[in-house]
Amino acid sequence: MTTVPVSLHALLTTTFAPAPPVRWHRAHWQQWADRMGPDFRLPDVDEAVDRGDAAVLVHDELEQGRTTAAFVAAMVWAYGPAHDGPYRTATVLGGRRRPTGVQPEAVAALDDAVGTVRSVTERDAPAAGASRIAGDAARSAHRRIIEHRLHGLAPAGLTAWLHFASARRDPYAPHAAPVLDDAVRGWLATEAELPLRDGHPDDYGRYVDRLVTWGRPFGRTPVQVESSVRSLVAATAAAGTDAGAVAAG
């Protein structure tokens, strides 16, 4: 359905509110930083990282040519408190199941994706609207990074990397590519009749196009719509937890 689902429509008609910060466990990540070497540098943030703060961190690291540190900062936000988040990040950078150091080939592939998503944005921005910018950048960069077959790079991590690489300090800008993880994908399949396959550039492009379509009448960017979907998922999960507590009581 291209019509905005009722629950999402209600959120899009209210003032946009960014999602709360993501919590993470520095000590757990530090174990992998010690193993992977100095390039695997952790972001200088407290126990919670805001999406906007993460976008600034990633952008500044990329501007300094520190792709590994930028990727780690993006994954801290993407995986948050997930126990396997640091390991997943290390396997991508290390190129194997038991990583012991950062591999230049992996960093080069991540850099290539950054160059693709940013070059598309820069090329199309003067002559195109938000829809074409987001759609073209998302499809091209997603396909490019898939071609590199980076070890262990899950769809959620992949799209988070494209998101922060394209954001240029503003994660809610029209040119920022949205994140697609299991929570958002599940909601789209059940509430919007939009099933999407993992790791398929064309499906990711369909996702971006749908967010553009939904957001345009409300003046919302694709990432703002994605964030609203994420809020609905969180609210549903919280309601289920509360109902379970009442039943147990």
C-alpha atoms as a PDB file:
ATOM      1  CA  MET A   1       0.000   0.000   0.000  1.00  0.00           C
ATOM      2  CA  THR A   2       1.323   3.448  -0.904  1.00  0.00           C
ATOM      3  CA  THR A   3      -1.210   5.088   1.418  1.00  0.00           C
ATOM      4  CA  VAL A   4       0.330   6.088   4.726  1.00  0.00           C
ATOM      5  CA  PRO A   5      -0.696   3.581   7.437  1.00  0.00           C
ATOM      6  CA  VAL A   6      -3.055   5.110   9.983  1.00  0.00           C
ATOM      7  CA  SER A   7      -0.692   4.837  12.940  1.00  0.00           C
ATOM      8  CA  LEU A   8       2.148   6.447  10.990  1.00  0.00           C
ATOM      9  CA  HIS A   9      -0.132   9.160   9.623  1.00  0.00           C
ATOM     10  CA  ALA A  10      -0.943  10.229  13.177  1.00  0.00           C
ATOM     11  CA  LEU A  11       2.757  10.718  13.947  1.00  0.00           C
ATOM     12  CA  LEU A  12       3.495  12.539  10.704  1.00  0.00           C
ATOM     13  CA  THR A  13       0.833  15.153  11.454  1.00  0.00           C
ATOM     14  CA  THR A  14       2.472  16.073  14.763  1.00  0.00           C
ATOM     15  CA  THR A  15       5.703  17.961  15.391  1.00  0.00           C
ATOM     16  CA  PHE A  16       8.680  15.762  14.595  1.00  0.00           C
ATOM     17  CA  ALA A  17      10.555  14.540  17.652  1.00  0.00           C
ATOM     18  CA  PRO A  18      13.926  12.798  17.204  1.00  0.00           C
ATOM     19  CA  ALA A  19      14.293   9.378  18.779  1.00  0.00           C
ATOM     20  CA  PRO A  20      15.976   9.154  22.190  1.00  0.00           C
ATOM     21  CA  PRO A  21      19.719   8.410  22.386  1.00  0.00           C
ATOM     22  CA  VAL A  22      20.989   4.860  21.987  1.00  0.00           C
ATOM     23  CA  ARG A  23      22.723   3.350  25.002  1.00  0.00           C
ATOM     24  CA  TRP A  24      25.929   1.336  24.631  1.00  0.00           C
ATOM     25  CA  HIS A  25      28.450  -0.389  26.891  1.00  0.00           C
ATOM     26  CA  ARG A  26      31.891   1.124  26.409  1.00  0.00           C
ATOM     27  CA  ALA A  27      33.673  -1.574  28.434  1.00  0.00           C
ATOM     28  CA  HIS A  28      32.370  -4.299  26.139  1.00  0.00           C
ATOM     29  CA  TRP A  29      33.456  -2.403  23.036  1.00  0.00           C
ATOM     30  CA  GLN A  30      36.812  -1.615  24.620  1.00  0.00           C
ATOM     31  CA  GLN A  31      37.685  -5.308  24.675  1.00  0.00           C
ATOM     32  CA  TRP A  32      37.508  -5.371  20.887  1.00  0.00           C
ATOM     33  CA  ALA A  33      39.290  -2.041  20.548  1.00  0.00           C
ATOM     34  CA  ASP A  34      42.199  -3.512  22.504  1.00  0.00           C
ATOM     35  CA  ARG A  35      42.258  -6.540  20.235  1.00  0.00           C
ATOM     36  CA  MET A  36      41.868  -4.753  16.904  1.00  0.00           C
ATOM     37  CA  GLY A  37      44.464  -2.021  17.385  1.00  0.00           C
ATOM     38  CA  PRO A  38      44.572   1.790  17.566  1.00  0.00           C
ATOM     39  CA  ASP A  39      42.518   2.402  14.397  1.00  0.00           C
ATOM     40  CA  PHE A  40      39.515   0.773  16.114  1.00  0.00           C
ATOM     41  CA  ARG A  41      39.007   3.926  18.141  1.00  0.00           C
ATOM     42  CA  LEU A  42      35.866   4.345  20.235  1.00  0.00           C
ATOM     43  CA  PRO A  43      33.852   7.569  20.055  1.00  0.00           C
ATOM     44  CA  ASP A  44      34.304  10.057  22.878  1.00  0.00           C
ATOM     45  CA  VAL A  45      30.714   9.953  24.131  1.00  0.00           C
ATOM     46  CA  ASP A  46      29.008   8.915  27.355  1.00  0.00           C
ATOM     47  CA  GLU A  47      26.870   5.816  27.846  1.00  0.00           C
ATOM     48  CA  ALA A  48      24.277   7.103  25.365  1.00  0.00           C
ATOM     49  CA  VAL A  49      24.773   8.456  21.850  1.00  0.00           C
ATOM     50  CA  ASP A  50      22.251  10.642  20.044  1.00  0.00           C
ATOM     51  CA  ARG A  51      21.727  10.160  16.319  1.00  0.00           C
ATOM     52  CA  GLY A  52      22.748  13.729  15.624  1.00  0.00           C
ATOM     53  CA  ASP A  53      25.887  13.379  17.721  1.00  0.00           C
ATOM     54  CA  ALA A  54      26.779  10.171  15.885  1.00  0.00           C
ATOM     55  CA  ALA A  55      26.360  11.934  12.538  1.00  0.00           C
ATOM     56  CA  VAL A  56      28.799  14.654  13.604  1.00  0.00           C
ATOM     57  CA  LEU A  57      31.295  12.087  14.897  1.00  0.00           C
ATOM     58  CA  VAL A  58      31.196  10.049  11.685  1.00  0.00           C
ATOM     59  CA  HIS A  59      31.481  13.113   9.463  1.00  0.00           C
ATOM     60  CA  ASP A  60      34.415  14.565  11.382  1.00  0.00           C
ATOM     61  CA  GLU A  61      36.287  11.249  11.354  1.00  0.00           C
ATOM     62  CA  LEU A  62      35.738  10.870   7.617  1.00  0.00           C
ATOM     63  CA  GLU A  63      36.956  14.407   7.003  1.00  0.00           C
ATOM     64  CA  GLN A  64      40.166  13.468   8.825  1.00  0.00           C
ATOM     65  CA  GLY A  65      40.571  10.321   6.735  1.00  0.00           C
ATOM     66  CA  ARG A  66      39.852   8.021   9.683  1.00  0.00           C
ATOM     67  CA  THR A  67      37.380   5.642   8.073  1.00  0.00           C
ATOM     68  CA  THR A  68      37.794   2.903  10.674  1.00  0.00           C
ATOM     69  CA  ALA A  69      36.968   5.232  13.559  1.00  0.00           C
ATOM     70  CA  ALA A  70      34.025   6.609  11.586  1.00  0.00           C
ATOM     71  CA  PHE A  71      32.692   3.107  10.979  1.00  0.00           C
ATOM     72  CA  VAL A  72      33.033   2.205  14.663  1.00  0.00           C
ATOM     73  CA  ALA A  73      31.100   5.332  15.667  1.00  0.00           C
ATOM     74  CA  ALA A  74      28.323   4.469  13.207  1.00  0.00           C
ATOM     75  CA  MET A  75      28.105   0.905  14.485  1.00  0.00           C
ATOM     76  CA  VAL A  76      27.977   2.044  18.119  1.00  0.00           C
ATOM     77  CA  TRP A  77      24.727   3.809  17.234  1.00  0.00           C
ATOM     78  CA  ALA A  78      23.491   1.003  14.970  1.00  0.00           C
ATOM     79  CA  TYR A  79      24.023  -1.835  17.454  1.00  0.00           C
ATOM     80  CA  GLY A  80      23.762   0.068  20.736  1.00  0.00           C
ATOM     81  CA  PRO A  81      23.654  -2.312  23.703  1.00  0.00           C
ATOM     82  CA  ALA A  82      23.537  -5.477  21.558  1.00  0.00           C
ATOM     83  CA  HIS A  83      26.020  -7.940  23.023  1.00  0.00           C
ATOM     84  CA  ASP A  84      27.402  -8.954  19.630  1.00  0.00           C
ATOM     85  CA  GLY A  85      27.647  -5.406  18.252  1.00  0.00           C
ATOM     86  CA  PRO A  86      31.402  -4.970  18.864  1.00  0.00           C
ATOM     87  CA  TYR A  87      32.106  -8.432  17.448  1.00  0.00           C
ATOM     88  CA  ARG A  88      30.028  -7.751  14.327  1.00  0.00           C
ATOM     89  CA  THR A  89      31.896  -4.497  13.808  1.00  0.00           C
ATOM     90  CA  ALA A  90      35.263  -6.191  14.269  1.00  0.00           C
ATOM     91  CA  THR A  91      34.472  -8.974  11.795  1.00  0.00           C
ATOM     92  CA  VAL A  92      33.654  -6.446   9.083  1.00  0.00           C
ATOM     93  CA  LEU A  93      36.855  -4.506   9.653  1.00  0.00           C
ATOM     94  CA  GLY A  94      38.916  -7.650  10.155  1.00  0.00           C
ATOM     95  CA  GLY A  95      37.433  -9.537   7.218  1.00  0.00           C
ATOM     96  CA  ARG A  96      37.023 -12.841   9.073  1.00  0.00           C
ATOM     97  CA  ARG A  97      35.132 -14.658  11.827  1.00  0.00           C
ATOM     98  CA  ARG A  98      38.033 -14.357  14.259  1.00  0.00           C
ATOM     99  CA  PRO A  99      39.434 -10.904  13.585  1.00  0.00           C
ATOM    100  CA  THR A 100      42.694  -9.785  15.106  1.00  0.00           C
ATOM    101  CA  GLY A 101      43.289  -6.514  13.284  1.00  0.00           C
ATOM    102  CA  VAL A 102      41.843  -4.078  10.770  1.00  0.00           C
ATOM    103  CA  GLN A 103      42.313  -5.125   7.137  1.00  0.00           C
ATOM    104  CA  PRO A 104      43.102  -2.372   4.592  1.00  0.00           C
ATOM    105  CA  GLU A 105      40.877  -4.075   2.005  1.00  0.00           C
ATOM    106  CA  ALA A 106      37.837  -3.755   4.257  1.00  0.00           C
ATOM    107  CA  VAL A 107      38.549  -0.093   4.945  1.00  0.00           C
ATOM    108  CA  ALA A 108      38.967   0.571   1.220  1.00  0.00           C
ATOM    109  CA  ALA A 109      35.570  -1.010   0.526  1.00  0.00           C
ATOM    110  CA  LEU A 110      33.914   1.148   3.186  1.00  0.00           C
ATOM    111  CA  ASP A 111      35.621   4.200   1.701  1.00  0.00           C
ATOM    112  CA  ASP A 112      34.327   3.277  -1.731  1.00  0.00           C
ATOM    113  CA  ALA A 113      30.769   3.256  -0.433  1.00  0.00           C
ATOM    114  CA  VAL A 114      31.282   6.677   1.126  1.00  0.00           C
ATOM    115  CA  GLY A 115      32.576   8.064  -2.126  1.00  0.00           C
ATOM    116  CA  THR A 116      29.618   6.649  -4.023  1.00  0.00           C
ATOM    117  CA  VAL A 117      26.896   7.918  -1.729  1.00  0.00           C
ATOM    118  CA  ARG A 118      28.473  11.361  -1.496  1.00  0.00           C
ATOM    119  CA  SER A 119      29.294  11.761  -5.172  1.00  0.00           C
ATOM    120  CA  VAL A 120      25.727  10.927  -6.179  1.00  0.00           C
ATOM    121  CA  THR A 121      24.401  13.444  -3.685  1.00  0.00           C
ATOM    122  CA  GLU A 122      26.756  16.176  -4.844  1.00  0.00           C
ATOM    123  CA  ARG A 123      26.068  15.510  -8.537  1.00  0.00           C
ATOM    124  CA  ASP A 124      22.290  15.519  -8.306  1.00  0.00           C
ATOM    125  CA  ALA A 125      21.650  18.048  -5.560  1.00  0.00           C
ATOM    126  CA  PRO A 126      21.609  21.225  -7.684  1.00  0.00           C
ATOM    127  CA  ALA A 127      19.098  19.897 -10.203  1.00  0.00           C
ATOM    128  CA  ALA A 128      16.920  17.438  -8.312  1.00  0.00           C
ATOM    129  CA  GLY A 129      14.563  17.301  -5.361  1.00  0.00           C
ATOM    130  CA  ALA A 130      14.891  15.259  -2.215  1.00  0.00           C
ATOM    131  CA  SER A 131      13.260  12.215  -3.793  1.00  0.00           C
ATOM    132  CA  ARG A 132      15.830  11.753  -6.549  1.00  0.00           C
ATOM    133  CA  ILE A 133      18.764  12.629  -4.310  1.00  0.00           C
ATOM    134  CA  ALA A 134      17.845  10.074  -1.666  1.00  0.00           C
ATOM    135  CA  GLY A 135      16.737   7.396  -4.119  1.00  0.00           C
ATOM    136  CA  ASP A 136      19.724   7.562  -6.465  1.00  0.00           C
ATOM    137  CA  ALA A 137      22.258   7.801  -3.675  1.00  0.00           C
ATOM    138  CA  ALA A 138      20.719   4.919  -1.756  1.00  0.00           C
ATOM    139  CA  ARG A 139      20.506   2.532  -4.707  1.00  0.00           C
ATOM    140  CA  SER A 140      23.950   3.280  -6.091  1.00  0.00           C
ATOM    141  CA  ALA A 141      25.808   3.133  -2.789  1.00  0.00           C
ATOM    142  CA  HIS A 142      23.934   0.069  -1.555  1.00  0.00           C
ATOM    143  CA  ARG A 143      24.705  -1.833  -4.746  1.00  0.00           C
ATOM    144  CA  ARG A 144      28.330  -0.722  -4.664  1.00  0.00           C
ATOM    145  CA  ILE A 145      28.993  -1.941  -1.140  1.00  0.00           C
ATOM    146  CA  ILE A 146      27.165  -5.241  -1.744  1.00  0.00           C
ATOM    147  CA  GLU A 147      29.568  -5.901  -4.618  1.00  0.00           C
ATOM    148  CA  HIS A 148      32.506  -5.809  -2.201  1.00  0.00           C
ATOM    149  CA  ARG A 149      31.016  -8.716  -0.186  1.00  0.00           C
ATOM    150  CA  LEU A 150      32.368  -7.469   3.109  1.00  0.00           C
ATOM    151  CA  HIS A 151      32.494 -10.245   5.679  1.00  0.00           C
ATOM    152  CA  GLY A 152      29.807  -9.972   8.359  1.00  0.00           C
ATOM    153  CA  LEU A 153      28.265  -6.700   7.157  1.00  0.00           C
ATOM    154  CA  ALA A 154      24.588  -7.201   7.998  1.00  0.00           C
ATOM    155  CA  PRO A 155      21.883  -5.105   6.294  1.00  0.00           C
ATOM    156  CA  ALA A 156      21.328  -3.013   9.427  1.00  0.00           C
ATOM    157  CA  GLY A 157      25.028  -2.162   9.655  1.00  0.00           C
ATOM    158  CA  LEU A 158      25.284  -1.586   5.924  1.00  0.00           C
ATOM    159  CA  THR A 159      22.407   0.893   5.803  1.00  0.00           C
ATOM    160  CA  ALA A 160      23.580   2.607   9.007  1.00  0.00           C
ATOM    161  CA  TRP A 161      26.950   3.181   7.339  1.00  0.00           C
ATOM    162  CA  LEU A 162      25.310   4.626   4.233  1.00  0.00           C
ATOM    163  CA  HIS A 163      23.067   6.720   6.454  1.00  0.00           C
ATOM    164  CA  PHE A 164      25.841   8.419   8.389  1.00  0.00           C
ATOM    165  CA  ALA A 165      28.149   8.679   5.379  1.00  0.00           C
ATOM    166  CA  SER A 166      25.443  10.518   3.430  1.00  0.00           C
ATOM    167  CA  ALA A 167      24.190  12.638   6.343  1.00  0.00           C
ATOM    168  CA  ARG A 168      27.098  15.095   6.402  1.00  0.00           C
ATOM    169  CA  ARG A 169      26.432  16.052  10.043  1.00  0.00           C
ATOM    170  CA  ASP A 170      22.629  16.226   9.608  1.00  0.00           C
ATOM    171  CA  PRO A 171      20.997  12.776   9.894  1.00  0.00           C
ATOM    172  CA  TYR A 172      17.537  14.139   9.094  1.00  0.00           C
ATOM    173  CA  ALA A 173      18.522  16.034   5.945  1.00  0.00           C
ATOM    174  CA  PRO A 174      16.745  15.242   2.644  1.00  0.00           C
ATOM    175  CA  HIS A 175      19.895  13.650   1.201  1.00  0.00           C
ATOM    176  CA  ALA A 176      20.499  11.323   4.165  1.00  0.00           C
ATOM    177  CA  ALA A 177      19.833   7.660   3.384  1.00  0.00           C
ATOM    178  CA  PRO A 178      17.523   5.954   5.917  1.00  0.00           C
ATOM    179  CA  VAL A 179      18.447   2.939   8.035  1.00  0.00           C
ATOM    180  CA  LEU A 180      16.697  -0.375   7.406  1.00  0.00           C
ATOM    181  CA  ASP A 181      16.973  -2.931  10.207  1.00  0.00           C
ATOM    182  CA  ASP A 182      14.868  -5.933  11.254  1.00  0.00           C
ATOM    183  CA  ALA A 183      12.526  -3.877  13.437  1.00  0.00           C
ATOM    184  CA  VAL A 184      11.648  -1.430  10.671  1.00  0.00           C
ATOM    185  CA  ARG A 185      11.461  -4.177   8.039  1.00  0.00           C
ATOM    186  CA  GLY A 186       9.069  -6.192  10.199  1.00  0.00           C
ATOM    187  CA  TRP A 187       6.782  -3.215  10.686  1.00  0.00           C
ATOM    188  CA  LEU A 188       6.725  -2.472   6.955  1.00  0.00           C
ATOM    189  CA  ALA A 189       5.797  -6.069   6.144  1.00  0.00           C
ATOM    190  CA  THR A 190       2.906  -6.246   8.610  1.00  0.00           C
ATOM    191  CA  GLU A 191       1.601  -2.676   8.670  1.00  0.00           C
ATOM    192  CA  ALA A 192       2.361  -1.429   5.167  1.00  0.00           C
ATOM    193  CA  GLU A 193       2.299  -4.622   3.077  1.00  0.00           C
ATOM    194  CA  LEU A 194       5.854  -3.907   1.971  1.00  0.00           C
ATOM    195  CA  PRO A 195       8.007  -7.042   2.333  1.00  0.00           C
ATOM    196  CA  LEU A 196      11.686  -6.329   1.744  1.00  0.00           C
ATOM    197  CA  ARG A 197      14.544  -8.780   1.275  1.00  0.00           C
ATOM    198  CA  ASP A 198      17.801  -8.512   3.175  1.00  0.00           C
ATOM    199  CA  GLY A 199      20.739  -7.111   1.271  1.00  0.00           C
ATOM    200  CA  HIS A 200      18.951  -6.372  -2.015  1.00  0.00           C
ATOM    201  CA  PRO A 201      19.752  -2.903  -3.432  1.00  0.00           C
ATOM    202  CA  ASP A 202      16.515  -2.717  -5.427  1.00  0.00           C
ATOM    203  CA  ASP A 203      14.445  -3.538  -2.345  1.00  0.00           C
ATOM    204  CA  TYR A 204      16.317  -0.921  -0.371  1.00  0.00           C
ATOM    205  CA  GLY A 205      15.595   1.546  -3.160  1.00  0.00           C
ATOM    206  CA  ARG A 206      11.887   0.662  -2.965  1.00  0.00           C
ATOM    207  CA  TYR A 207      12.043   1.330   0.759  1.00  0.00           C
ATOM    208  CA  VAL A 208      13.577   4.775   0.264  1.00  0.00           C
ATOM    209  CA  ASP A 209      11.041   5.608  -2.437  1.00  0.00           C
ATOM    210  CA  ARG A 210       8.187   4.642  -0.119  1.00  0.00           C
ATOM    211  CA  LEU A 211       9.507   6.832   2.679  1.00  0.00           C
ATOM    212  CA  VAL A 212       9.848   9.733   0.251  1.00  0.00           C
ATOM    213  CA  THR A 213       6.252   9.234  -0.909  1.00  0.00           C
ATOM    214  CA  TRP A 214       4.917   9.043   2.630  1.00  0.00           C
ATOM    215  CA  GLY A 215       6.882  12.016   3.869  1.00  0.00           C
ATOM    216  CA  ARG A 216       6.366  14.478   1.031  1.00  0.00           C
ATOM    217  CA  PRO A 217       2.809  15.658   1.968  1.00  0.00           C
ATOM    218  CA  PHE A 218       3.970  16.333   5.523  1.00  0.00           C
ATOM    219  CA  GLY A 219       7.277  17.984   4.684  1.00  0.00           C
ATOM    220  CA  ARG A 220       9.196  15.072   6.190  1.00  0.00           C
ATOM    221  CA  THR A 221      12.461  13.667   4.906  1.00  0.00           C
ATOM    222  CA  PRO A 222      12.966   9.902   4.432  1.00  0.00           C
ATOM    223  CA  VAL A 223      14.947   9.620   7.662  1.00  0.00           C
ATOM    224  CA  GLN A 224      12.307  11.533   9.602  1.00  0.00           C
ATOM    225  CA  VAL A 225       9.725   9.029   8.384  1.00  0.00           C
ATOM    226  CA  GLU A 226      12.031   6.135   9.248  1.00  0.00           C
ATOM    227  CA  SER A 227      12.510   7.588  12.730  1.00  0.00           C
ATOM    228  CA  SER A 228       8.736   7.817  13.160  1.00  0.00           C
ATOM    229  CA  VAL A 229       8.352   4.172  12.149  1.00  0.00           C
ATOM    230  CA  ARG A 230      11.021   3.307  14.697  1.00  0.00           C
ATOM    231  CA  SER A 231       9.033   5.178  17.360  1.00  0.00           C
ATOM    232  CA  LEU A 232       5.941   3.134  16.516  1.00  0.00           C
ATOM    233  CA  VAL A 233       7.912  -0.101  16.838  1.00  0.00           C
ATOM    234  CA  ALA A 234       9.272   0.982  20.216  1.00  0.00           C
ATOM    235  CA  ALA A 235       5.799   1.984  21.435  1.00  0.00           C
ATOM    236  CA  THR A 236       4.353  -1.375  20.396  1.00  0.00           C
ATOM    237  CA  ALA A 237       7.144  -3.231  22.172  1.00  0.00           C
ATOM    238  CA  ALA A 238       6.637  -1.152  25.325  1.00  0.00           C
ATOM    239  CA  ALA A 239       2.887  -1.793  25.274  1.00  0.00           C
ATOM    240  CA  GLY A 240       3.518  -5.528  24.973  1.00  0.00           C
ATOM    241  CA  THR A 241       5.909  -5.426  27.928  1.00  0.00           C
ATOM    242  CA  ASP A 242       3.393  -3.524  30.045  1.00  0.00           C
ATOM    243  CA  ALA A 243       0.615  -5.959  29.129  1.00  0.00           C
ATOM    244  CA  GLY A 244       2.825  -8.889  30.088  1.00  0.00           C
ATOM    245  CA  ALA A 245       3.641  -7.299  33.430  1.00  0.00           C
ATOM    246  CA  VAL A 246      -0.052  -6.756  34.168  1.00  0.00           C
ATOM    247  CA  ALA A 247      -0.870 -10.354  33.257  1.00  0.00           C
ATOM    248  CA  ALA A 248       1.939 -11.648  35.458  1.00  0.00           C
ATOM    249  CA  GLY A 249       0.759  -9.496  38.333  1.00  0.00           C
END
